[in-house]
Amino acid sequence: MKSVASLLSIALLLASSAHGAQHMQKRHARRQGPSATFSQPAPTTTAAAPAPTTTSSGSQPIKRGLSFNDASLTKDFTSSQVSWAYDWDSTFSGSLPEGVQFFPMLWSAAPEHSAQWADNANAAIAKGSTHLLFINEPDLSSQANTSPQDAAQQWMQFMQPFAGKATLVSPAITNGPPPSMGTGWMDAFLDECDKLGCQVDAIAAHIYDSATNVAYYKQYITDLGTRYNRSVLITEFGATGTVDQQQQFLQQMLPFLDSLDSVTHYAWFMTAVGNLVNADASLTPLGQTYVSA
């Protein structure tokens, strides 16, 4: 977290409960709200890891993905627009667009998540999943709320058995301030992992701030790749502002993310009615920008 951006991000983090209410209604504790709140005006309705899926021309990997709770809302996306999707859980109901990979996640080590983890992860790998995700926002008390030390122990139990079978992705940190949050939490986790012998192939991170603060996003995400010398998955990002401001933000950020070598995958928060899609699953103006920017 850097300079003025940290103050805004903290305010956003503390406000998370308001925006998170809709997500907290979902079954069990898959994703209980973003790490920051942002207002979404009502949209106008309009119609060392395996490489990400490539475009039809084969010229550039498709890094773009979808975060969802309801798979039916992904139906109007195509594999030429997005290559992967996840739902903060290790399985999902329904279907994803043909050619879109599902990345299973162990939200936390709590029994309601971990009891079925091995079976679901193996099943996903058998169906072609290339990445396994681990622990959602352990550095946030309203999310997985796990210490770096406990997370490293849990990694050895639940993730390490899959080493060599898939790309193993770190816990997904917030962009909260060190030392207890964000990169401070990740540093402590990786230090503990070094002692235990964890194989952590890639880093997952979330980032929220103002749609007008593009420079902060670019610097923060770039620094993650430099700091950890691993590939980076931005498994959640969002930006406060009007839809127009968010569209302008995506028009700047997506080409940047697509060209940044350290980032292999990213997903906007989220594929939900009033955000990327309408009630009939057609894309909103913001959704259209997300797949075309």
Protein backbone atom coordinates (compact mmCIF):
# COMPACT_ATOMS: atom_id res chain seq x y z
CA MET A 1 0.00 0.00 0.00
CA LYS A 2 1.44 3.33 -0.97
CA SER A 3 0.95 6.99 0.05
CA VAL A 4 -2.51 8.53 -0.39
CA ALA A 5 -3.83 5.39 -2.00
CA SER A 6 -3.49 3.52 1.27
CA LEU A 7 -5.82 5.91 3.06
CA LEU A 8 -8.52 5.52 0.45
CA SER A 9 -8.10 1.78 0.32
CA ILE A 10 -8.44 1.51 4.10
CA ALA A 11 -11.65 3.50 3.98
CA LEU A 12 -12.91 1.19 1.27
CA LEU A 13 -11.91 -1.89 3.24
CA LEU A 14 -13.67 -0.70 6.38
CA ALA A 15 -16.81 -0.03 4.36
CA SER A 16 -16.92 -3.55 2.95
CA SER A 17 -19.97 -4.73 4.87
CA ALA A 18 -22.39 -2.51 2.97
CA HIS A 19 -21.54 -3.73 -0.50
CA GLY A 20 -20.93 -7.24 0.74
CA ALA A 21 -24.51 -7.75 1.92
CA GLN A 22 -25.71 -9.23 -1.39
CA HIS A 23 -22.82 -11.68 -1.47
CA MET A 24 -23.24 -12.75 2.14
CA GLN A 25 -26.65 -14.13 1.22
CA LYS A 26 -25.07 -16.76 -1.04
CA ARG A 27 -24.83 -20.35 0.07
CA HIS A 28 -22.24 -21.14 2.71
CA ALA A 29 -19.31 -18.73 2.91
CA ARG A 30 -17.92 -18.78 -0.57
CA ARG A 31 -17.34 -15.06 -1.00
CA GLN A 32 -18.74 -12.78 1.62
CA GLY A 33 -18.32 -9.41 0.00
CA PRO A 34 -15.43 -7.70 -1.73
CA SER A 35 -12.45 -6.34 0.16
CA ALA A 36 -13.72 -2.88 -0.64
CA THR A 37 -17.09 -1.33 -1.39
CA PHE A 38 -17.93 0.50 -4.54
CA SER A 39 -21.22 1.92 -5.75
CA GLN A 40 -22.71 0.60 -8.95
CA PRO A 41 -25.31 2.83 -10.64
CA ALA A 42 -28.14 0.93 -12.34
CA PRO A 43 -26.92 -0.10 -15.79
CA THR A 44 -28.62 0.56 -19.09
CA THR A 45 -29.75 -2.76 -20.56
CA THR A 46 -27.93 -3.77 -23.78
CA ALA A 47 -28.02 -6.61 -25.70
CA ALA A 48 5.62 -21.74 -15.17
CA ALA A 49 2.13 -22.64 -15.50
CA PRO A 50 0.14 -23.88 -18.51
CA ALA A 51 -0.44 -20.98 -20.86
CA PRO A 52 -3.84 -19.29 -20.78
CA THR A 53 -6.20 -19.93 -23.68
CA THR A 54 -5.16 -18.05 -26.79
CA THR A 55 -7.29 -15.94 -29.07
CA SER A 56 -8.57 -17.36 -32.34
CA SER A 57 -5.55 -15.81 -34.07
CA GLY A 58 -3.23 -17.37 -31.49
CA SER A 59 -1.54 -14.02 -31.06
CA GLN A 60 -2.16 -13.31 -27.39
CA PRO A 61 -3.25 -15.31 -24.34
CA ILE A 62 -6.69 -14.55 -22.95
CA LYS A 63 -6.08 -13.55 -19.35
CA ARG A 64 -9.60 -12.28 -18.70
CA GLY A 65 -11.84 -14.32 -16.43
CA LEU A 66 -15.14 -14.28 -14.53
CA SER A 67 -15.91 -14.36 -10.82
CA PHE A 68 -19.44 -15.60 -10.26
CA ASN A 69 -21.95 -17.08 -7.85
CA ASP A 70 -24.55 -18.04 -10.47
CA ALA A 71 -23.09 -19.86 -13.47
CA SER A 72 -26.19 -19.14 -15.56
CA LEU A 73 -25.17 -15.47 -15.64
CA THR A 74 -22.01 -16.36 -17.60
CA LYS A 75 -23.88 -17.73 -20.63
CA ASP A 76 -23.42 -14.70 -22.91
CA PHE A 77 -19.65 -14.68 -22.53
CA THR A 78 -17.55 -16.74 -24.94
CA SER A 79 -14.16 -18.44 -24.76
CA SER A 80 -12.87 -15.88 -27.25
CA GLN A 81 -13.51 -13.23 -24.56
CA VAL A 82 -12.69 -15.02 -21.29
CA SER A 83 -10.62 -18.12 -20.62
CA TRP A 84 -11.38 -19.03 -17.00
CA ALA A 85 -13.86 -18.59 -14.16
CA TYR A 86 -14.22 -19.26 -10.45
CA ASP A 87 -16.88 -19.00 -7.76
CA TRP A 88 -14.91 -18.93 -4.46
CA ASP A 89 -15.71 -22.63 -4.07
CA SER A 90 -14.31 -25.98 -5.23
CA THR A 91 -17.32 -26.84 -7.38
CA PHE A 92 -20.32 -25.16 -8.98
CA SER A 93 -23.80 -25.89 -10.29
CA GLY A 94 -24.78 -25.45 -13.91
CA SER A 95 -22.39 -24.88 -16.79
CA LEU A 96 -19.85 -22.37 -18.03
CA PRO A 97 -19.44 -21.28 -21.65
CA GLU A 98 -17.73 -23.93 -23.75
CA GLY A 99 -13.96 -23.66 -23.55
CA VAL A 100 -13.91 -21.66 -20.30
CA GLN A 101 -11.89 -23.36 -17.56
CA PHE A 102 -13.08 -23.58 -13.97
CA PHE A 103 -10.48 -22.88 -11.25
CA PRO A 104 -11.54 -24.52 -7.95
CA MET A 105 -10.84 -22.68 -4.71
CA LEU A 106 -10.44 -23.78 -1.11
CA TRP A 107 -12.06 -20.73 0.51
CA SER A 108 -10.74 -21.66 3.95
CA ALA A 109 -9.69 -24.74 5.88
CA ALA A 110 -13.01 -24.85 7.74
CA PRO A 111 -14.61 -28.32 7.42
CA GLU A 112 -17.51 -27.06 5.28
CA HIS A 113 -14.91 -26.20 2.62
CA SER A 114 -12.04 -28.61 3.24
CA ALA A 115 -13.96 -31.87 3.66
CA GLN A 116 -14.75 -32.10 -0.05
CA TRP A 117 -11.66 -30.26 -1.29
CA ALA A 118 -9.48 -33.17 -2.41
CA ASP A 119 -12.26 -34.89 -4.32
CA ASN A 120 -13.42 -31.69 -6.01
CA ALA A 121 -9.90 -30.56 -6.87
CA ASN A 122 -9.05 -33.93 -8.41
CA ALA A 123 -12.30 -33.90 -10.39
CA ALA A 124 -11.60 -30.40 -11.68
CA ILE A 125 -8.07 -31.32 -12.73
CA ALA A 126 -9.44 -34.37 -14.53
CA LYS A 127 -11.74 -32.04 -16.48
CA GLY A 128 -8.87 -29.76 -17.48
CA SER A 129 -8.48 -27.23 -14.67
CA THR A 130 -4.91 -25.96 -14.64
CA HIS A 131 -4.94 -23.86 -11.44
CA LEU A 132 -5.98 -24.41 -7.83
CA LEU A 133 -6.86 -21.35 -5.72
CA PHE A 134 -6.38 -21.14 -1.95
CA ILE A 135 -7.89 -19.11 0.92
CA ASN A 136 -9.88 -15.97 0.21
CA GLU A 137 -8.55 -12.80 1.84
CA PRO A 138 -6.93 -14.37 4.91
CA ASP A 139 -5.79 -10.89 5.93
CA LEU A 140 -9.37 -9.61 6.35
CA SER A 141 -11.39 -10.44 9.47
CA SER A 142 -14.70 -10.60 7.57
CA GLN A 143 -13.26 -13.15 5.11
CA ALA A 144 -11.05 -16.23 5.70
CA ASN A 145 -9.22 -14.46 8.58
CA THR A 146 -6.25 -16.82 8.77
CA SER A 147 -2.76 -16.14 10.13
CA PRO A 148 0.23 -16.63 7.82
CA GLN A 149 1.49 -19.42 10.05
CA ASP A 150 -1.80 -21.31 10.03
CA ALA A 151 -2.19 -20.77 6.29
CA ALA A 152 1.24 -22.30 5.62
CA GLN A 153 0.34 -25.36 7.70
CA GLN A 154 -2.97 -25.65 5.85
CA TRP A 155 -1.15 -25.34 2.54
CA MET A 156 0.97 -28.37 3.35
CA GLN A 157 -2.16 -30.34 4.18
CA PHE A 158 -4.48 -29.30 1.37
CA MET A 159 -2.43 -27.84 -1.49
CA GLN A 160 0.98 -29.48 -1.40
CA PRO A 161 -0.42 -32.90 -2.38
CA PHE A 162 -1.32 -31.35 -5.76
CA ALA A 163 2.20 -30.09 -6.53
CA GLY A 164 3.01 -30.94 -10.12
CA LYS A 165 -0.62 -31.66 -10.97
CA ALA A 166 -1.74 -28.03 -11.33
CA THR A 167 -0.45 -24.51 -10.78
CA LEU A 168 -0.79 -23.92 -7.04
CA VAL A 169 -1.87 -20.34 -6.29
CA SER A 170 -1.24 -18.56 -3.00
CA PRO A 171 -3.91 -17.18 -0.68
CA ALA A 172 -5.59 -14.13 -2.25
CA ILE A 173 -4.51 -11.07 -0.27
CA THR A 174 -6.22 -7.69 -0.14
CA ASN A 175 -4.42 -4.46 -0.94
CA GLY A 176 -4.63 -3.50 2.74
CA PRO A 177 -1.61 -1.99 4.51
CA PRO A 178 1.33 -4.03 5.83
CA PRO A 179 2.41 -5.51 8.09
CA SER A 180 -0.82 -7.30 9.03
CA MET A 181 -2.49 -7.09 5.62
CA GLY A 182 -1.62 -7.22 1.96
CA THR A 183 2.01 -7.80 1.06
CA GLY A 184 2.98 -7.85 4.74
CA TRP A 185 0.74 -10.87 5.26
CA MET A 186 2.05 -12.52 2.08
CA ASP A 187 5.67 -11.96 3.08
CA ALA A 188 5.04 -13.72 6.41
CA PHE A 189 3.20 -16.57 4.69
CA LEU A 190 6.00 -17.18 2.20
CA ASP A 191 8.62 -17.00 4.96
CA GLU A 192 6.74 -19.70 6.84
CA CYS A 193 6.34 -21.71 3.66
CA ASP A 194 10.08 -21.62 3.09
CA LYS A 195 10.51 -23.38 6.43
CA LEU A 196 7.89 -26.02 5.63
CA GLY A 197 8.75 -26.65 1.99
CA CYS A 198 5.58 -25.40 0.35
CA GLN A 199 5.54 -25.22 -3.43
CA VAL A 200 3.78 -21.93 -4.19
CA ASP A 201 3.71 -21.48 -7.95
CA ALA A 202 1.82 -18.21 -8.28
CA ILE A 203 0.52 -15.24 -6.26
CA ALA A 204 -3.14 -14.20 -5.99
CA ALA A 205 -4.16 -10.68 -5.03
CA HIS A 206 -7.20 -8.41 -4.89
CA ILE A 207 -7.18 -4.66 -5.39
CA TYR A 208 -9.87 -2.00 -4.94
CA ASP A 209 -9.57 1.77 -5.14
CA SER A 210 -10.93 4.74 -7.09
CA ALA A 211 -11.52 4.41 -10.83
CA THR A 212 -9.54 7.63 -11.23
CA ASN A 213 -6.46 6.18 -9.54
CA VAL A 214 -5.22 4.06 -12.45
CA ALA A 215 -1.56 4.81 -11.72
CA TYR A 216 -1.89 3.22 -8.28
CA TYR A 217 -3.36 0.01 -9.71
CA LYS A 218 -0.63 -0.23 -12.32
CA GLN A 219 2.16 0.31 -9.82
CA TYR A 220 0.74 -2.02 -7.18
CA ILE A 221 0.18 -4.89 -9.61
CA THR A 222 3.56 -4.41 -11.27
CA ASP A 223 5.26 -4.44 -7.86
CA LEU A 224 3.61 -7.78 -6.97
CA GLY A 225 5.38 -9.52 -9.84
CA THR A 226 8.69 -7.90 -9.01
CA ARG A 227 8.42 -8.54 -5.27
CA TYR A 228 7.53 -12.23 -5.47
CA ASN A 229 9.15 -13.27 -8.76
CA ARG A 230 6.16 -15.44 -9.54
CA SER A 231 3.25 -15.20 -11.92
CA VAL A 232 0.35 -13.13 -10.57
CA LEU A 233 -3.41 -13.71 -10.69
CA ILE A 234 -5.58 -10.69 -9.91
CA THR A 235 -8.58 -12.75 -8.87
CA GLU A 236 -10.63 -9.71 -7.85
CA PHE A 237 -10.44 -6.07 -8.80
CA GLY A 238 -12.97 -3.29 -8.75
CA ALA A 239 -13.06 0.48 -8.82
CA THR A 240 -15.31 3.10 -7.23
CA GLY A 241 -17.01 5.58 -9.51
CA THR A 242 -19.78 5.94 -12.06
CA VAL A 243 -20.25 3.39 -14.82
CA ASP A 244 -18.62 5.85 -17.22
CA GLN A 245 -15.61 6.19 -14.92
CA GLN A 246 -15.41 2.42 -14.53
CA GLN A 247 -15.53 1.98 -18.29
CA GLN A 248 -12.72 4.49 -18.73
CA PHE A 249 -10.81 2.66 -16.02
CA LEU A 250 -11.19 -0.71 -17.77
CA GLN A 251 -10.22 0.80 -21.11
CA GLN A 252 -6.89 1.76 -19.54
CA MET A 253 -6.34 -1.18 -17.19
CA LEU A 254 -7.18 -4.14 -19.39
CA PRO A 255 -4.63 -3.41 -22.12
CA PHE A 256 -2.10 -2.83 -19.35
CA LEU A 257 -2.87 -6.17 -17.67
CA ASP A 258 -2.87 -7.97 -21.00
CA SER A 259 0.61 -6.65 -21.76
CA LEU A 260 2.11 -7.17 -18.28
CA ASP A 261 4.13 -10.39 -18.46
CA SER A 262 3.88 -11.16 -14.74
CA VAL A 263 0.05 -11.25 -14.80
CA THR A 264 -1.39 -14.46 -16.22
CA HIS A 265 -5.06 -14.11 -15.21
CA TYR A 266 -7.45 -11.46 -13.89
CA ALA A 267 -11.15 -11.17 -13.05
CA TRP A 268 -13.34 -8.15 -12.41
CA PHE A 269 -15.61 -8.31 -9.36
CA MET A 270 -18.05 -9.64 -10.49
CA THR A 271 -20.42 -11.43 -12.91
CA ALA A 272 -23.60 -10.30 -11.17
CA VAL A 273 -26.83 -8.56 -12.13
CA GLY A 274 -26.27 -4.81 -12.17
CA ASN A 275 -22.54 -5.21 -12.65
CA LEU A 276 -21.28 -7.09 -15.74
CA VAL A 277 -24.67 -8.53 -16.66
CA ASN A 278 -28.38 -7.80 -16.73
CA ALA A 279 -31.05 -10.05 -15.20
CA ASP A 280 -31.32 -12.02 -18.46
CA ALA A 281 -27.52 -12.53 -18.45
CA SER A 282 -26.97 -10.17 -21.38
CA LEU A 283 -23.97 -7.94 -20.96
CA THR A 284 -24.35 -4.46 -19.50
CA PRO A 285 -22.37 -1.57 -21.00
CA LEU A 286 -19.73 -2.27 -18.35
CA GLY A 287 -19.72 -5.95 -19.30
CA GLN A 288 -19.33 -5.08 -22.95
CA THR A 289 -16.37 -2.87 -22.08
CA TYR A 290 -14.87 -5.66 -19.99
CA VAL A 291 -14.78 -8.09 -22.93
CA SER A 292 -13.76 -5.56 -25.58
CA ALA A 293 -11.30 -3.11 -23.99
